[in-house]
Amino acid sequence: MIALGKIQKLKVIRKTEIGVYLNSEDTRGEDDILLPKSQVPPDTEIGHEIEVFVYKDSEDRIIATVKKPKVTIDSLAVLSVVEITRIGAFLDWGLEKDLFLPFKQQVGEVVKGKSYLVGVYIDKSNRLCATMKVYDFLSSESPYKENNKVQGTIYRITEDYGAFVAVDNKYHGLISNKEIYGNYKVGDTVEVRIKKIRPDGKLELSLRKQAFYQIEDDAQKIMNKLKSNDGKLLLNDKSSPEKIKTEFNMSKAAFKRAVGRLMKEGAVQVTDEAIMITWKMD
């Protein structure tokens, strides 16, 4: 059976002046689909098998191509937006006819020239379309361990939970709200650490290193800020989390750990109003 949206091997059933007609069986019928002459491999004969991708052309006819699309109905891919119209967006997926992304399948604002993670589905009109709602495409059976460093694409952001990430564009991941520092948006690629693997296999992610490594980075960040501010900052462990996050892009807990490390080393002192370097700066 011919499968729309998939790469498959089909047999040459008949040859014509405009190309060859293919099917999954050695029978001629109405279901035969055309592989245009320009794409027919040399020396192709009736009965030969050709690996093709099956989709619909600009006139909504089912057609075959030997070109490989960037995404199929079984996978996800990051695709670039080439056009925005009144009915939706169109994405470059490597074929002559661009892939349609309906408004109802978009998440957040879609911008021409930007790239987004999408999957492919068959709509009610039996057409291949893209969707940014990729949760159901992802797997919970990843090969990772805790503290592995991985890469992923943010595909959804919510106030209640945080940033949903497709790790390696294949696996379920989440950066919780308390782990997000900085401005991120749908479509961003992030480098993350696997903080925890839940019993259901989904991944809890962090943008930060393990605490004992992160303290060094955070402490250095605080020292750099002090040096550029004449050795004094109007912050301390009683400052609000919001003020600390604005100043250093870190949580209050991380800030207190880093300051504690600097105090232990004798590098800074903390007063009721400020943090100050304890030695003369270069």
C-alpha atoms as a PDB file:
ATOM      1  CA  MET A   1       0.000   0.000   0.000  1.00  0.00           C
ATOM      2  CA  ILE A   2       1.272   3.467  -0.883  1.00  0.00           C
ATOM      3  CA  ALA A   3       1.820   5.601   2.238  1.00  0.00           C
ATOM      4  CA  LEU A   4       1.446   9.378   2.003  1.00  0.00           C
ATOM      5  CA  GLY A   5       4.212  11.310   3.735  1.00  0.00           C
ATOM      6  CA  LYS A   6       6.706   8.455   3.929  1.00  0.00           C
ATOM      7  CA  ILE A   7       9.843   7.337   2.124  1.00  0.00           C
ATOM      8  CA  GLN A   8       9.207   3.916   0.597  1.00  0.00           C
ATOM      9  CA  LYS A   9      10.198   1.566  -2.209  1.00  0.00           C
ATOM     10  CA  LEU A  10       7.665   1.264  -5.045  1.00  0.00           C
ATOM     11  CA  LYS A  11       7.685  -0.768  -8.240  1.00  0.00           C
ATOM     12  CA  VAL A  12       7.619   0.649 -11.749  1.00  0.00           C
ATOM     13  CA  ILE A  13       4.271  -0.463 -13.219  1.00  0.00           C
ATOM     14  CA  ARG A  14       4.377   1.365 -16.561  1.00  0.00           C
ATOM     15  CA  LYS A  15       6.446   3.846 -18.520  1.00  0.00           C
ATOM     16  CA  THR A  16       5.080   6.895 -20.338  1.00  0.00           C
ATOM     17  CA  GLU A  17       6.413  10.007 -22.070  1.00  0.00           C
ATOM     18  CA  ILE A  18       5.973  12.085 -18.893  1.00  0.00           C
ATOM     19  CA  GLY A  19       7.625   9.620 -16.514  1.00  0.00           C
ATOM     20  CA  VAL A  20       6.965   6.285 -14.859  1.00  0.00           C
ATOM     21  CA  TYR A  21       3.998   5.173 -12.794  1.00  0.00           C
ATOM     22  CA  LEU A  22       4.627   3.417  -9.499  1.00  0.00           C
ATOM     23  CA  ASN A  23       2.693   1.211  -7.143  1.00  0.00           C
ATOM     24  CA  SER A  24       3.306  -1.116  -4.241  1.00  0.00           C
ATOM     25  CA  GLU A  25       2.174  -4.160  -6.219  1.00  0.00           C
ATOM     26  CA  ASP A  26       2.591  -5.561  -9.739  1.00  0.00           C
ATOM     27  CA  THR A  27      -0.863  -4.410 -10.758  1.00  0.00           C
ATOM     28  CA  ARG A  28      -1.951  -1.489 -12.895  1.00  0.00           C
ATOM     29  CA  GLY A  29      -4.752   0.628 -11.478  1.00  0.00           C
ATOM     30  CA  GLU A  30      -6.081   4.011 -10.527  1.00  0.00           C
ATOM     31  CA  ASP A  31      -3.759   4.150  -7.516  1.00  0.00           C
ATOM     32  CA  ASP A  32      -0.596   4.274  -9.644  1.00  0.00           C
ATOM     33  CA  ILE A  33       1.363   7.466  -8.942  1.00  0.00           C
ATOM     34  CA  LEU A  34       3.659   9.408 -11.236  1.00  0.00           C
ATOM     35  CA  LEU A  35       7.386   9.867 -10.833  1.00  0.00           C
ATOM     36  CA  PRO A  36       8.172  12.712 -13.272  1.00  0.00           C
ATOM     37  CA  LYS A  37      10.541  11.957 -16.143  1.00  0.00           C
ATOM     38  CA  SER A  38      13.182  14.382 -14.843  1.00  0.00           C
ATOM     39  CA  GLN A  39      13.550  12.269 -11.691  1.00  0.00           C
ATOM     40  CA  VAL A  40      13.504   8.788 -13.189  1.00  0.00           C
ATOM     41  CA  PRO A  41      16.901   7.064 -12.664  1.00  0.00           C
ATOM     42  CA  PRO A  42      18.741   6.020 -15.852  1.00  0.00           C
ATOM     43  CA  ASP A  43      18.043   2.539 -17.255  1.00  0.00           C
ATOM     44  CA  THR A  44      14.830   2.192 -15.224  1.00  0.00           C
ATOM     45  CA  GLU A  45      12.612  -0.638 -16.467  1.00  0.00           C
ATOM     46  CA  ILE A  46       9.188  -2.024 -15.569  1.00  0.00           C
ATOM     47  CA  GLY A  47       9.445  -4.095 -12.391  1.00  0.00           C
ATOM     48  CA  HIS A  48      12.336  -2.113 -10.954  1.00  0.00           C
ATOM     49  CA  GLU A  49      12.006  -0.758  -7.415  1.00  0.00           C
ATOM     50  CA  ILE A  50      12.674   2.926  -6.739  1.00  0.00           C
ATOM     51  CA  GLU A  51      12.907   4.574  -3.314  1.00  0.00           C
ATOM     52  CA  VAL A  52      10.658   7.635  -3.308  1.00  0.00           C
ATOM     53  CA  PHE A  53       8.833  10.056  -1.067  1.00  0.00           C
ATOM     54  CA  VAL A  54       5.075  10.362  -1.641  1.00  0.00           C
ATOM     55  CA  TYR A  55       3.297  13.704  -1.213  1.00  0.00           C
ATOM     56  CA  LYS A  56       0.893  16.035  -3.047  1.00  0.00           C
ATOM     57  CA  ASP A  57       1.971  18.504  -5.705  1.00  0.00           C
ATOM     58  CA  SER A  58       0.767  22.110  -6.223  1.00  0.00           C
ATOM     59  CA  GLU A  59      -2.360  20.793  -7.966  1.00  0.00           C
ATOM     60  CA  ASP A  60      -3.167  18.513  -5.016  1.00  0.00           C
ATOM     61  CA  ARG A  61      -2.289  15.326  -6.910  1.00  0.00           C
ATOM     62  CA  ILE A  62      -0.461  12.475  -5.178  1.00  0.00           C
ATOM     63  CA  ILE A  63       3.003  12.295  -6.706  1.00  0.00           C
ATOM     64  CA  ALA A  64       6.385  10.666  -6.064  1.00  0.00           C
ATOM     65  CA  THR A  65       9.830  12.225  -5.841  1.00  0.00           C
ATOM     66  CA  VAL A  66      13.305  10.772  -5.414  1.00  0.00           C
ATOM     67  CA  LYS A  67      14.239  13.867  -3.410  1.00  0.00           C
ATOM     68  CA  LYS A  68      14.419  13.362   0.337  1.00  0.00           C
ATOM     69  CA  PRO A  69      12.427  15.899   2.401  1.00  0.00           C
ATOM     70  CA  LYS A  70      13.875  17.337   5.599  1.00  0.00           C
ATOM     71  CA  VAL A  71      11.012  15.823   7.577  1.00  0.00           C
ATOM     72  CA  THR A  72       8.555  12.961   7.077  1.00  0.00           C
ATOM     73  CA  ILE A  73       5.406  11.866   8.869  1.00  0.00           C
ATOM     74  CA  ASP A  74       7.535   9.776  11.254  1.00  0.00           C
ATOM     75  CA  SER A  75       9.981  12.450  12.380  1.00  0.00           C
ATOM     76  CA  LEU A  76      10.600  16.009  13.555  1.00  0.00           C
ATOM     77  CA  ALA A  77      12.823  18.680  12.049  1.00  0.00           C
ATOM     78  CA  VAL A  78      13.692  22.348  12.417  1.00  0.00           C
ATOM     79  CA  LEU A  79      12.419  24.124   9.293  1.00  0.00           C
ATOM     80  CA  SER A  80      12.727  27.702   8.076  1.00  0.00           C
ATOM     81  CA  VAL A  81       9.677  29.880   7.375  1.00  0.00           C
ATOM     82  CA  VAL A  82       9.737  31.117   3.777  1.00  0.00           C
ATOM     83  CA  GLU A  83       6.342  32.822   3.604  1.00  0.00           C
ATOM     84  CA  ILE A  84       3.559  34.104   5.866  1.00  0.00           C
ATOM     85  CA  THR A  85       0.031  34.283   4.403  1.00  0.00           C
ATOM     86  CA  ARG A  86      -3.517  34.927   5.586  1.00  0.00           C
ATOM     87  CA  ILE A  87      -4.104  31.204   6.137  1.00  0.00           C
ATOM     88  CA  GLY A  88      -0.800  30.248   7.705  1.00  0.00           C
ATOM     89  CA  ALA A  89       2.912  29.902   7.042  1.00  0.00           C
ATOM     90  CA  PHE A  90       4.926  27.924   4.500  1.00  0.00           C
ATOM     91  CA  LEU A  91       8.125  26.084   5.387  1.00  0.00           C
ATOM     92  CA  ASP A  92      11.111  24.950   3.354  1.00  0.00           C
ATOM     93  CA  TRP A  93      11.312  21.171   3.634  1.00  0.00           C
ATOM     94  CA  GLY A  94      13.491  20.566   0.584  1.00  0.00           C
ATOM     95  CA  LEU A  95      10.789  19.903  -2.032  1.00  0.00           C
ATOM     96  CA  GLU A  96       9.331  22.010  -4.863  1.00  0.00           C
ATOM     97  CA  LYS A  97       6.091  22.604  -2.968  1.00  0.00           C
ATOM     98  CA  ASP A  98       6.617  24.198   0.447  1.00  0.00           C
ATOM     99  CA  LEU A  99       5.084  22.593   3.556  1.00  0.00           C
ATOM    100  CA  PHE A 100       1.987  24.336   4.930  1.00  0.00           C
ATOM    101  CA  LEU A 101       1.827  25.280   8.630  1.00  0.00           C
ATOM    102  CA  PRO A 102      -1.785  26.277   9.494  1.00  0.00           C
ATOM    103  CA  PHE A 103      -2.419  29.053  12.013  1.00  0.00           C
ATOM    104  CA  LYS A 104      -4.118  26.580  14.363  1.00  0.00           C
ATOM    105  CA  GLN A 105      -0.953  24.483  14.458  1.00  0.00           C
ATOM    106  CA  GLN A 106       1.352  27.383  15.342  1.00  0.00           C
ATOM    107  CA  VAL A 107       2.707  28.058  18.838  1.00  0.00           C
ATOM    108  CA  GLY A 108       3.429  31.708  19.569  1.00  0.00           C
ATOM    109  CA  GLU A 109       4.417  34.198  16.891  1.00  0.00           C
ATOM    110  CA  VAL A 110       5.866  32.699  13.713  1.00  0.00           C
ATOM    111  CA  VAL A 111       8.301  34.979  11.876  1.00  0.00           C
ATOM    112  CA  LYS A 112       9.492  34.766   8.271  1.00  0.00           C
ATOM    113  CA  GLY A 113      13.132  33.733   8.102  1.00  0.00           C
ATOM    114  CA  LYS A 114      13.077  32.094  11.544  1.00  0.00           C
ATOM    115  CA  SER A 115      13.212  28.334  12.085  1.00  0.00           C
ATOM    116  CA  TYR A 116      10.909  26.172  14.201  1.00  0.00           C
ATOM    117  CA  LEU A 117      10.625  22.549  15.252  1.00  0.00           C
ATOM    118  CA  VAL A 118       7.717  20.841  13.483  1.00  0.00           C
ATOM    119  CA  GLY A 119       6.193  17.480  12.838  1.00  0.00           C
ATOM    120  CA  VAL A 120       4.092  16.361   9.863  1.00  0.00           C
ATOM    121  CA  TYR A 121       0.506  15.102   9.932  1.00  0.00           C
ATOM    122  CA  ILE A 122      -2.287  14.372   7.429  1.00  0.00           C
ATOM    123  CA  ASP A 123      -5.204  16.814   7.719  1.00  0.00           C
ATOM    124  CA  LYS A 124      -8.904  16.189   7.110  1.00  0.00           C
ATOM    125  CA  SER A 125      -8.423  16.915   3.395  1.00  0.00           C
ATOM    126  CA  ASN A 126      -5.748  14.203   3.160  1.00  0.00           C
ATOM    127  CA  ARG A 127      -2.956  16.763   2.770  1.00  0.00           C
ATOM    128  CA  LEU A 128       0.422  16.839   4.469  1.00  0.00           C
ATOM    129  CA  CYS A 129       0.725  19.749   6.895  1.00  0.00           C
ATOM    130  CA  ALA A 130       3.175  20.875   9.564  1.00  0.00           C
ATOM    131  CA  THR A 131       2.469  21.346  13.265  1.00  0.00           C
ATOM    132  CA  MET A 132       4.427  23.017  16.033  1.00  0.00           C
ATOM    133  CA  LYS A 133       2.415  21.034  18.583  1.00  0.00           C
ATOM    134  CA  VAL A 134       4.975  18.255  18.754  1.00  0.00           C
ATOM    135  CA  TYR A 135       4.372  16.826  22.252  1.00  0.00           C
ATOM    136  CA  ASP A 136       2.780  13.628  20.913  1.00  0.00           C
ATOM    137  CA  PHE A 137       5.678  13.085  18.498  1.00  0.00           C
ATOM    138  CA  LEU A 138       8.250  12.800  21.295  1.00  0.00           C
ATOM    139  CA  SER A 139       9.517   9.693  23.068  1.00  0.00           C
ATOM    140  CA  SER A 140      10.188   9.067  26.764  1.00  0.00           C
ATOM    141  CA  GLU A 141      12.726   6.321  26.036  1.00  0.00           C
ATOM    142  CA  SER A 142      15.945   8.320  25.867  1.00  0.00           C
ATOM    143  CA  PRO A 143      19.456   6.817  26.209  1.00  0.00           C
ATOM    144  CA  TYR A 144      20.699   9.493  28.641  1.00  0.00           C
ATOM    145  CA  LYS A 145      21.845   9.516  32.258  1.00  0.00           C
ATOM    146  CA  GLU A 146      21.642  12.230  34.892  1.00  0.00           C
ATOM    147  CA  ASN A 147      24.116  15.095  34.377  1.00  0.00           C
ATOM    148  CA  ASN A 148      24.603  14.295  30.693  1.00  0.00           C
ATOM    149  CA  LYS A 149      24.892  17.440  28.587  1.00  0.00           C
ATOM    150  CA  VAL A 150      22.465  17.520  25.668  1.00  0.00           C
ATOM    151  CA  GLN A 151      20.985  19.911  23.117  1.00  0.00           C
ATOM    152  CA  GLY A 152      17.340  20.557  22.396  1.00  0.00           C
ATOM    153  CA  THR A 153      14.767  22.868  20.846  1.00  0.00           C
ATOM    154  CA  ILE A 154      12.223  24.827  22.884  1.00  0.00           C
ATOM    155  CA  TYR A 155       8.792  24.119  21.405  1.00  0.00           C
ATOM    156  CA  ARG A 156       6.483  25.587  24.072  1.00  0.00           C
ATOM    157  CA  ILE A 157       6.737  27.944  27.061  1.00  0.00           C
ATOM    158  CA  THR A 158       4.120  28.232  29.810  1.00  0.00           C
ATOM    159  CA  GLU A 159       3.922  30.307  32.987  1.00  0.00           C
ATOM    160  CA  ASP A 160       2.835  27.280  35.017  1.00  0.00           C
ATOM    161  CA  TYR A 161       5.564  24.820  34.062  1.00  0.00           C
ATOM    162  CA  GLY A 162       8.410  26.453  32.144  1.00  0.00           C
ATOM    163  CA  ALA A 163      10.018  25.659  28.797  1.00  0.00           C
ATOM    164  CA  PHE A 164       9.188  22.385  27.069  1.00  0.00           C
ATOM    165  CA  VAL A 165      12.194  21.071  25.161  1.00  0.00           C
ATOM    166  CA  ALA A 166      12.531  18.413  22.482  1.00  0.00           C
ATOM    167  CA  VAL A 167      15.892  16.922  23.454  1.00  0.00           C
ATOM    168  CA  ASP A 168      17.787  15.984  20.290  1.00  0.00           C
ATOM    169  CA  ASN A 169      14.409  16.756  18.657  1.00  0.00           C
ATOM    170  CA  LYS A 170      13.279  13.302  19.816  1.00  0.00           C
ATOM    171  CA  TYR A 171      12.714  13.107  23.577  1.00  0.00           C
ATOM    172  CA  HIS A 172      10.495  14.771  26.200  1.00  0.00           C
ATOM    173  CA  GLY A 173      12.246  17.408  28.309  1.00  0.00           C
ATOM    174  CA  LEU A 174      11.282  20.326  30.574  1.00  0.00           C
ATOM    175  CA  ILE A 175      13.200  23.278  31.996  1.00  0.00           C
ATOM    176  CA  SER A 176      11.110  24.246  35.015  1.00  0.00           C
ATOM    177  CA  ASN A 177      10.399  27.894  35.762  1.00  0.00           C
ATOM    178  CA  LYS A 178      12.903  27.956  38.631  1.00  0.00           C
ATOM    179  CA  GLU A 179      15.640  26.747  36.261  1.00  0.00           C
ATOM    180  CA  ILE A 180      15.082  29.390  33.573  1.00  0.00           C
ATOM    181  CA  TYR A 181      17.439  32.361  33.643  1.00  0.00           C
ATOM    182  CA  GLY A 182      17.485  34.708  30.677  1.00  0.00           C
ATOM    183  CA  ASN A 183      15.080  35.367  27.840  1.00  0.00           C
ATOM    184  CA  TYR A 184      14.076  32.386  25.753  1.00  0.00           C
ATOM    185  CA  LYS A 185      11.435  31.886  23.090  1.00  0.00           C
ATOM    186  CA  VAL A 186       9.882  29.098  21.062  1.00  0.00           C
ATOM    187  CA  GLY A 187      12.334  27.879  18.413  1.00  0.00           C
ATOM    188  CA  ASP A 188      15.478  28.562  20.465  1.00  0.00           C
ATOM    189  CA  THR A 189      18.165  25.887  20.618  1.00  0.00           C
ATOM    190  CA  VAL A 190      19.516  25.324  24.133  1.00  0.00           C
ATOM    191  CA  GLU A 191      22.430  23.475  25.702  1.00  0.00           C
ATOM    192  CA  VAL A 192      21.157  21.812  28.872  1.00  0.00           C
ATOM    193  CA  ARG A 193      22.109  19.358  31.596  1.00  0.00           C
ATOM    194  CA  ILE A 194      19.869  16.436  32.483  1.00  0.00           C
ATOM    195  CA  LYS A 195      19.001  17.166  36.093  1.00  0.00           C
ATOM    196  CA  LYS A 196      16.719  14.183  36.648  1.00  0.00           C
ATOM    197  CA  ILE A 197      15.111  11.314  34.752  1.00  0.00           C
ATOM    198  CA  ARG A 198      11.548  10.890  35.957  1.00  0.00           C
ATOM    199  CA  PRO A 199       9.992   7.423  36.486  1.00  0.00           C
ATOM    200  CA  ASP A 200       7.980   7.926  33.271  1.00  0.00           C
ATOM    201  CA  GLY A 201      11.208   8.562  31.334  1.00  0.00           C
ATOM    202  CA  LYS A 202      10.685  12.285  30.771  1.00  0.00           C
ATOM    203  CA  LEU A 203      13.705  14.497  31.377  1.00  0.00           C
ATOM    204  CA  GLU A 204      14.008  17.339  33.876  1.00  0.00           C
ATOM    205  CA  LEU A 205      16.537  19.800  32.481  1.00  0.00           C
ATOM    206  CA  SER A 206      18.709  22.619  33.761  1.00  0.00           C
ATOM    207  CA  LEU A 207      20.508  25.428  31.968  1.00  0.00           C
ATOM    208  CA  ARG A 208      23.077  25.414  34.765  1.00  0.00           C
ATOM    209  CA  LYS A 209      25.982  23.119  35.576  1.00  0.00           C
ATOM    210  CA  GLN A 210      26.111  20.891  38.646  1.00  0.00           C
ATOM    211  CA  ALA A 211      26.235  23.040  41.780  1.00  0.00           C
ATOM    212  CA  PHE A 212      29.917  22.482  42.611  1.00  0.00           C
ATOM    213  CA  TYR A 213      30.915  23.606  39.101  1.00  0.00           C
ATOM    214  CA  GLN A 214      28.349  26.385  38.916  1.00  0.00           C
ATOM    215  CA  ILE A 215      29.571  27.992  42.154  1.00  0.00           C
ATOM    216  CA  GLU A 216      32.917  28.709  40.488  1.00  0.00           C
ATOM    217  CA  ASP A 217      31.248  30.359  37.502  1.00  0.00           C
ATOM    218  CA  ASP A 218      28.818  32.349  39.653  1.00  0.00           C
ATOM    219  CA  ALA A 219      31.568  33.494  42.010  1.00  0.00           C
ATOM    220  CA  GLN A 220      33.630  34.696  39.068  1.00  0.00           C
ATOM    221  CA  LYS A 221      30.610  36.522  37.670  1.00  0.00           C
ATOM    222  CA  ILE A 222      30.130  38.336  40.995  1.00  0.00           C
ATOM    223  CA  MET A 223      33.811  39.247  41.211  1.00  0.00           C
ATOM    224  CA  ASN A 224      33.816  40.605  37.663  1.00  0.00           C
ATOM    225  CA  LYS A 225      30.789  42.730  38.475  1.00  0.00           C
ATOM    226  CA  LEU A 226      32.418  44.035  41.658  1.00  0.00           C
ATOM    227  CA  LYS A 227      35.615  44.969  39.843  1.00  0.00           C
ATOM    228  CA  SER A 228      33.674  46.884  37.193  1.00  0.00           C
ATOM    229  CA  ASN A 229      31.729  48.711  39.922  1.00  0.00           C
ATOM    230  CA  ASP A 230      34.620  50.038  42.035  1.00  0.00           C
ATOM    231  CA  GLY A 231      34.599  46.998  44.298  1.00  0.00           C
ATOM    232  CA  LYS A 232      31.110  47.471  45.725  1.00  0.00           C
ATOM    233  CA  LEU A 233      27.564  46.333  44.917  1.00  0.00           C
ATOM    234  CA  LEU A 234      24.384  47.368  46.724  1.00  0.00           C
ATOM    235  CA  LEU A 235      23.269  43.764  47.138  1.00  0.00           C
ATOM    236  CA  ASN A 236      23.440  41.163  49.881  1.00  0.00           C
ATOM    237  CA  ASP A 237      21.766  37.942  50.995  1.00  0.00           C
ATOM    238  CA  LYS A 238      18.675  39.915  52.023  1.00  0.00           C
ATOM    239  CA  SER A 239      18.135  41.341  48.536  1.00  0.00           C
ATOM    240  CA  SER A 240      15.048  40.209  46.632  1.00  0.00           C
ATOM    241  CA  PRO A 241      15.293  37.269  44.205  1.00  0.00           C
ATOM    242  CA  GLU A 242      14.076  39.587  41.442  1.00  0.00           C
ATOM    243  CA  LYS A 243      16.866  42.109  42.033  1.00  0.00           C
ATOM    244  CA  ILE A 244      19.504  39.378  42.126  1.00  0.00           C
ATOM    245  CA  LYS A 245      18.156  37.807  38.942  1.00  0.00           C
ATOM    246  CA  THR A 246      18.163  41.179  37.167  1.00  0.00           C
ATOM    247  CA  GLU A 247      21.746  41.890  38.229  1.00  0.00           C
ATOM    248  CA  PHE A 248      23.320  38.456  37.774  1.00  0.00           C
ATOM    249  CA  ASN A 249      20.805  36.252  35.935  1.00  0.00           C
ATOM    250  CA  MET A 250      20.978  33.661  38.721  1.00  0.00           C
ATOM    251  CA  SER A 251      18.719  32.472  41.520  1.00  0.00           C
ATOM    252  CA  LYS A 252      19.006  33.833  45.051  1.00  0.00           C
ATOM    253  CA  ALA A 253      20.141  30.409  46.265  1.00  0.00           C
ATOM    254  CA  ALA A 254      22.932  30.303  43.686  1.00  0.00           C
ATOM    255  CA  PHE A 255      23.902  33.870  44.588  1.00  0.00           C
ATOM    256  CA  LYS A 256      24.159  33.026  48.287  1.00  0.00           C
ATOM    257  CA  ARG A 257      26.271  29.929  47.571  1.00  0.00           C
ATOM    258  CA  ALA A 258      28.679  31.916  45.412  1.00  0.00           C
ATOM    259  CA  VAL A 259      28.951  34.778  47.920  1.00  0.00           C
ATOM    260  CA  GLY A 260      29.522  32.233  50.695  1.00  0.00           C
ATOM    261  CA  ARG A 261      32.379  30.761  48.688  1.00  0.00           C
ATOM    262  CA  LEU A 262      33.948  34.207  48.162  1.00  0.00           C
ATOM    263  CA  MET A 263      33.589  35.054  51.869  1.00  0.00           C
ATOM    264  CA  LYS A 264      35.234  31.755  52.840  1.00  0.00           C
ATOM    265  CA  GLU A 265      38.174  32.635  50.610  1.00  0.00           C
ATOM    266  CA  GLY A 266      38.340  36.099  52.144  1.00  0.00           C
ATOM    267  CA  ALA A 267      37.659  37.763  48.812  1.00  0.00           C
ATOM    268  CA  VAL A 268      34.593  39.759  49.857  1.00  0.00           C
ATOM    269  CA  GLN A 269      32.798  41.032  52.900  1.00  0.00           C
ATOM    270  CA  VAL A 270      29.053  41.527  53.273  1.00  0.00           C
ATOM    271  CA  THR A 271      27.442  44.414  55.147  1.00  0.00           C
ATOM    272  CA  ASP A 272      23.818  45.283  55.818  1.00  0.00           C
ATOM    273  CA  GLU A 273      23.792  47.226  52.551  1.00  0.00           C
ATOM    274  CA  ALA A 274      26.379  45.840  50.187  1.00  0.00           C
ATOM    275  CA  ILE A 275      29.025  43.367  49.077  1.00  0.00           C
ATOM    276  CA  MET A 276      32.594  44.707  48.920  1.00  0.00           C
ATOM    277  CA  ILE A 277      35.931  43.369  47.755  1.00  0.00           C
ATOM    278  CA  THR A 278      38.269  42.986  50.735  1.00  0.00           C
ATOM    279  CA  TRP A 279      41.558  43.527  48.912  1.00  0.00           C
ATOM    280  CA  LYS A 280      42.956  46.288  46.777  1.00  0.00           C
ATOM    281  CA  MET A 281      42.030  45.886  43.120  1.00  0.00           C
ATOM    282  CA  ASP A 282      44.662  45.836  40.363  1.00  0.00           C
END
